[in-house]
Amino acid sequence: MSDVAGRTGLIVGVANKRSLAWGIAQAAAAGGARLILTYQNERLRENVEALAATLDPAPLLLPCDVARDEEIEALCSAIQAQAGGLDFVVHGAAFAPREALSSPFVETSRDAFRTALDISAYSLVALARGTQPLLANRGGGSIVTLTYLGAERVFPNYNVMGVAKAALEATVRYLAADLGPQNIRVNAISAGPVKTLAASGISGFSGILQVYRERAPLRRNVESSDVADTALFLLSHAGRGITGDVIMVDGGYSVMGM
C-alpha cells in the first residue's frame, strides 16, 4: 500500500496547477502527508499560495531558488526548526532558456548549457545534500525527481533539456549509491508528455502528444495523476526496495521499436 499518511514531505517545483509537482502535492496531501512547498521568488509566491490554500492540511510555504546554495541552506534550516525532519523530497525543478529550445542544439550557448544543467540537474545534488540530515533524522526516506525519455533519445526541440535530463538520471544513480547506507532512496520518474507550463515552451509539442497516443501500447497519453500515483508509491514504504532507478510512466511508449 502506498501510504504517506502522517509523513512530512518537501515538494520543490510547483509553478501552477498544471505542474507535475503540483499533481504529486495534491495526491500526497489527499493521502494524509504534511507538506512543505517552495516558491522561487516573490513573483511566483502568490500563485503557489493560491494553490496551497486548496490543500488540507495547509502546507508550510517557504522561499527557495534552487540556483542559490544559500537559499537551499536557509530552506533546510527552516524545515529543521519547524518540522524537525523530512520523510520524503520531490524535486520538480527544471529550466532551459527559451532560445536553447527553439534553435538547433549545435547552436546552444555556453550560458544556456550552464543554466540548464545547473537548474535541472545540479539542483538535485544541492537539494539532496541539504535535506540529507533531515531525512536521516527520520531514519531515512525517499527522494524522487522527474525526467523524460529525451534523456535517452532525440526529440524535436528538446535539445539541451535532453542533455540536462541525461545528467539528472546519472545524478540519481550516484546519489542513490552515496545515500543508500543512510536508508535514503533516490529515484526518477520518466513521464510521458504532459501538458505542463514547461512543455508549452517546446515547439511541436502537440505532435509529440499525437505520436504517443498512436504508438503507446495503452493508446493514450498519460495524465498528471498517473505520475502522481507512481510518485506516492516511490515515496512511501511500498517502494522501500527501489533506489537508483528510472521508472517509466509513459503508457508503454518507451518499449516500442516503431
Protein backbone atom coordinates (compact mmCIF):
# COMPACT_ATOMS: atom_id res chain seq x y z
CA MET A 1 0.00 0.00 0.00
CA SER A 2 1.33 3.46 -0.94
CA ASP A 3 0.70 5.10 2.43
CA VAL A 4 2.13 8.57 3.13
CA ALA A 5 -0.26 9.41 5.97
CA GLY A 6 1.50 11.28 8.75
CA ARG A 7 4.70 11.70 6.76
CA THR A 8 6.35 15.06 6.18
CA GLY A 9 7.45 15.90 2.67
CA LEU A 10 9.15 18.72 0.80
CA ILE A 11 7.96 19.42 -2.75
CA VAL A 12 10.05 21.74 -4.93
CA GLY A 13 8.91 22.86 -8.37
CA VAL A 14 5.23 23.78 -8.05
CA ALA A 15 4.68 26.58 -10.55
CA ASN A 16 0.99 26.34 -11.45
CA LYS A 17 -1.93 23.92 -11.45
CA ARG A 18 -0.52 22.05 -14.46
CA SER A 19 2.83 21.28 -12.84
CA LEU A 20 3.59 17.60 -12.28
CA ALA A 21 4.92 18.62 -8.88
CA TRP A 22 1.51 20.07 -8.07
CA GLY A 23 -0.20 16.83 -9.07
CA ILE A 24 2.12 14.98 -6.68
CA ALA A 25 1.39 17.53 -3.95
CA GLN A 26 -2.35 17.02 -4.35
CA ALA A 27 -2.02 13.24 -4.18
CA ALA A 28 0.30 13.37 -1.16
CA ALA A 29 -1.98 15.77 0.72
CA ALA A 30 -5.00 13.59 -0.06
CA GLY A 31 -3.02 10.67 1.35
CA GLY A 32 -2.53 12.48 4.66
CA ALA A 33 1.02 13.82 4.24
CA ARG A 34 2.14 17.06 5.83
CA LEU A 35 3.70 19.14 3.07
CA ILE A 36 6.22 21.92 2.65
CA LEU A 37 6.02 23.73 -0.68
CA THR A 38 8.55 26.19 -2.05
CA TYR A 39 8.25 29.18 -4.34
CA GLN A 40 11.14 30.54 -6.39
CA ASN A 41 10.59 34.25 -5.81
CA GLU A 42 8.01 36.82 -4.77
CA ARG A 43 6.59 36.97 -8.29
CA LEU A 44 5.57 33.31 -8.07
CA ARG A 45 4.64 33.31 -4.40
CA GLU A 46 1.03 34.40 -4.91
CA ASN A 47 0.39 31.58 -7.38
CA VAL A 48 1.78 28.91 -5.07
CA GLU A 49 -0.10 30.38 -2.10
CA ALA A 50 -3.39 30.17 -4.01
CA LEU A 51 -2.77 26.51 -4.83
CA ALA A 52 -1.64 25.67 -1.31
CA ALA A 53 -4.84 27.16 0.10
CA THR A 54 -6.79 24.34 -1.58
CA LEU A 55 -4.93 21.62 0.36
CA ASP A 56 -5.85 20.24 3.77
CA PRO A 57 -3.88 20.36 5.95
CA ALA A 58 -2.42 23.65 4.75
CA PRO A 59 1.21 23.26 3.66
CA LEU A 60 4.09 25.26 5.03
CA LEU A 61 5.31 27.68 2.33
CA LEU A 62 8.99 28.64 2.15
CA PRO A 63 11.10 30.51 -0.42
CA CYS A 64 13.81 28.70 -2.36
CA ASP A 65 15.61 29.47 -5.59
CA VAL A 66 17.41 26.18 -6.31
CA ALA A 67 20.13 28.03 -8.21
CA ARG A 68 21.28 29.62 -4.94
CA ASP A 69 23.01 27.45 -2.34
CA GLU A 70 22.32 29.95 0.42
CA GLU A 71 18.56 29.69 -0.21
CA ILE A 72 18.68 25.90 -0.08
CA GLU A 73 20.58 26.13 3.20
CA ALA A 74 18.02 28.59 4.59
CA LEU A 75 15.18 26.32 3.46
CA CYS A 76 16.65 23.31 5.23
CA SER A 77 17.31 25.31 8.40
CA ALA A 78 13.68 26.47 8.41
CA ILE A 79 12.45 22.89 7.95
CA GLN A 80 14.64 21.69 10.81
CA ALA A 81 13.26 24.41 13.07
CA GLN A 82 9.60 24.00 12.10
CA ALA A 83 9.24 20.30 11.23
CA GLY A 84 12.30 18.60 12.75
CA GLY A 85 12.90 16.37 9.77
CA LEU A 86 11.62 15.00 6.46
CA ASP A 87 10.33 11.67 5.21
CA PHE A 88 10.44 12.49 1.52
CA VAL A 89 11.53 15.07 -1.06
CA VAL A 90 10.13 15.72 -4.53
CA HIS A 91 12.45 17.56 -6.92
CA GLY A 92 10.49 19.05 -9.82
CA ALA A 93 12.77 21.91 -10.80
CA ALA A 94 13.84 22.23 -14.44
CA PHE A 95 14.60 25.09 -16.79
CA ALA A 96 16.34 25.94 -20.05
CA PRO A 97 16.37 29.32 -21.79
CA ARG A 98 13.70 29.51 -24.50
CA GLU A 99 16.23 30.22 -27.25
CA ALA A 100 18.01 26.96 -26.42
CA LEU A 101 14.81 25.06 -27.18
CA SER A 102 13.97 26.88 -30.40
CA SER A 103 17.39 26.82 -32.10
CA PRO A 104 19.33 23.74 -33.29
CA PHE A 105 21.16 22.00 -30.44
CA VAL A 106 24.54 22.70 -32.05
CA GLU A 107 23.87 26.41 -31.50
CA THR A 108 23.41 26.03 -27.73
CA SER A 109 25.36 28.78 -26.00
CA ARG A 110 27.70 28.10 -23.10
CA ASP A 111 25.49 30.17 -20.80
CA ALA A 112 22.31 28.33 -21.82
CA PHE A 113 24.03 24.96 -21.32
CA ARG A 114 25.30 26.01 -17.90
CA THR A 115 21.87 27.28 -16.85
CA ALA A 116 20.01 24.15 -17.98
CA LEU A 117 22.44 21.79 -16.26
CA ASP A 118 22.57 23.88 -13.09
CA ILE A 119 18.84 24.22 -12.51
CA SER A 120 17.67 20.92 -13.98
CA ALA A 121 20.39 18.57 -12.69
CA TYR A 122 22.80 20.10 -10.18
CA SER A 123 19.92 21.41 -8.09
CA LEU A 124 19.11 17.80 -7.19
CA VAL A 125 22.63 17.37 -5.82
CA ALA A 126 22.35 20.55 -3.76
CA LEU A 127 18.86 19.68 -2.51
CA ALA A 128 19.89 16.13 -1.58
CA ARG A 129 22.93 17.42 0.30
CA GLY A 130 20.81 19.93 2.22
CA THR A 131 18.00 17.54 3.08
CA GLN A 132 20.20 14.54 3.87
CA PRO A 133 20.34 15.28 7.63
CA LEU A 134 16.60 15.98 7.70
CA LEU A 135 15.84 12.60 6.12
CA ALA A 136 18.41 10.85 8.32
CA ASN A 137 16.64 12.32 11.37
CA ARG A 138 13.65 10.15 10.47
CA GLY A 139 15.69 7.01 9.82
CA GLY A 140 15.89 7.57 6.09
CA GLY A 141 13.44 8.47 3.37
CA SER A 142 12.81 8.88 -0.32
CA ILE A 143 13.83 11.46 -2.92
CA VAL A 144 12.02 11.48 -6.26
CA THR A 145 12.80 13.63 -9.31
CA LEU A 146 11.19 13.98 -12.74
CA THR A 147 12.82 13.16 -16.06
CA TYR A 148 11.83 12.40 -19.65
CA LEU A 149 12.72 9.98 -22.45
CA GLY A 150 14.54 12.85 -24.16
CA ALA A 151 17.44 11.91 -21.86
CA GLU A 152 17.94 8.77 -23.95
CA ARG A 153 16.55 9.63 -27.38
CA VAL A 154 16.41 12.72 -29.55
CA PHE A 155 13.09 14.59 -29.56
CA PRO A 156 12.49 17.64 -31.78
CA ASN A 157 13.24 20.91 -29.98
CA TYR A 158 14.03 19.24 -26.64
CA ASN A 159 17.70 19.99 -27.23
CA VAL A 160 19.73 20.98 -24.19
CA MET A 161 16.95 19.87 -21.86
CA GLY A 162 17.52 16.31 -23.04
CA VAL A 163 21.20 16.61 -22.11
CA ALA A 164 20.22 18.06 -18.74
CA LYS A 165 17.82 15.18 -18.10
CA ALA A 166 20.56 12.68 -19.00
CA ALA A 167 22.76 14.34 -16.39
CA LEU A 168 19.85 14.23 -13.94
CA GLU A 169 19.41 10.48 -14.42
CA ALA A 170 23.12 9.85 -13.84
CA THR A 171 22.87 12.07 -10.76
CA VAL A 172 20.07 9.85 -9.42
CA ARG A 173 22.31 6.79 -9.63
CA TYR A 174 25.30 8.41 -7.93
CA LEU A 175 23.17 9.92 -5.17
CA ALA A 176 21.48 6.56 -4.60
CA ALA A 177 24.90 4.98 -4.06
CA ASP A 178 26.01 7.74 -1.69
CA LEU A 179 22.84 7.96 0.38
CA GLY A 180 21.75 4.32 0.43
CA PRO A 181 23.71 3.46 3.59
CA GLN A 182 21.54 6.02 5.42
CA ASN A 183 18.40 4.34 4.09
CA ILE A 184 17.74 7.29 1.76
CA ARG A 185 16.42 6.19 -1.61
CA VAL A 186 16.74 8.26 -4.79
CA ASN A 187 14.68 7.57 -7.91
CA ALA A 188 13.34 9.29 -11.01
CA ILE A 189 10.03 9.07 -12.83
CA SER A 190 10.27 9.35 -16.61
CA ALA A 191 6.82 10.60 -17.53
CA GLY A 192 5.31 10.64 -20.96
CA PRO A 193 4.48 14.09 -22.37
CA VAL A 194 2.00 16.02 -20.22
CA LYS A 195 0.66 19.49 -20.97
CA THR A 196 2.63 21.49 -18.42
CA LEU A 197 3.97 25.04 -18.48
CA ALA A 198 7.42 23.70 -19.35
CA ALA A 199 6.03 21.64 -22.23
CA SER A 200 4.40 24.72 -23.73
CA GLY A 201 7.87 26.07 -24.48
CA ILE A 202 8.67 23.13 -26.80
CA SER A 203 7.72 23.76 -30.41
CA GLY A 204 5.72 20.92 -31.93
CA PHE A 205 4.68 19.52 -28.56
CA SER A 206 1.16 18.71 -29.79
CA GLY A 207 2.72 16.49 -32.46
CA ILE A 208 4.64 14.57 -29.80
CA LEU A 209 1.39 14.01 -27.89
CA GLN A 210 -0.24 12.63 -31.03
CA VAL A 211 2.63 10.21 -31.71
CA TYR A 212 2.40 8.87 -28.15
CA ARG A 213 -1.37 8.36 -28.46
CA GLU A 214 -0.93 6.44 -31.69
CA ARG A 215 2.04 4.26 -30.76
CA ALA A 216 1.99 3.67 -27.00
CA PRO A 217 0.57 0.24 -26.09
CA LEU A 218 -2.13 1.89 -23.95
CA ARG A 219 -3.08 4.16 -26.88
CA ARG A 220 -3.38 7.21 -24.68
CA ASN A 221 -1.33 9.99 -23.19
CA VAL A 222 -0.52 9.83 -19.52
CA GLU A 223 -2.00 12.33 -17.09
CA SER A 224 -0.62 14.11 -14.08
CA SER A 225 -2.49 11.69 -11.82
CA ASP A 226 -0.66 8.72 -13.38
CA VAL A 227 2.66 10.31 -12.46
CA ALA A 228 1.44 11.33 -9.01
CA ASP A 229 0.31 7.81 -8.10
CA THR A 230 3.69 6.37 -9.09
CA ALA A 231 5.42 9.08 -7.07
CA LEU A 232 3.40 8.17 -3.98
CA PHE A 233 4.45 4.54 -4.40
CA LEU A 234 8.13 5.55 -4.53
CA LEU A 235 7.77 7.98 -1.64
CA SER A 236 6.04 5.50 0.62
CA HIS A 237 7.12 2.35 2.43
CA ALA A 238 5.76 0.36 -0.52
CA GLY A 239 8.76 1.45 -2.59
CA ARG A 240 11.30 0.64 0.11
CA GLY A 241 13.34 -1.74 -2.07
CA ILE A 242 13.76 0.58 -5.06
CA THR A 243 16.60 3.06 -5.45
CA GLY A 244 18.78 4.44 -8.24
CA ASP A 245 16.09 3.64 -10.79
CA VAL A 246 14.18 5.44 -13.53
CA ILE A 247 10.54 4.35 -13.56
CA MET A 248 8.77 4.80 -16.91
CA VAL A 249 5.23 6.18 -16.73
CA ASP A 250 4.51 6.66 -20.41
CA GLY A 251 1.78 4.23 -21.40
CA GLY A 252 4.47 1.85 -22.60
CA TYR A 253 5.74 4.11 -25.40
CA SER A 254 9.38 3.57 -24.45
CA VAL A 255 9.22 -0.19 -25.13
CA MET A 256 8.17 0.21 -28.75
CA GLY A 257 10.66 -0.09 -31.60
CA MET A 258 8.42 1.65 -34.16
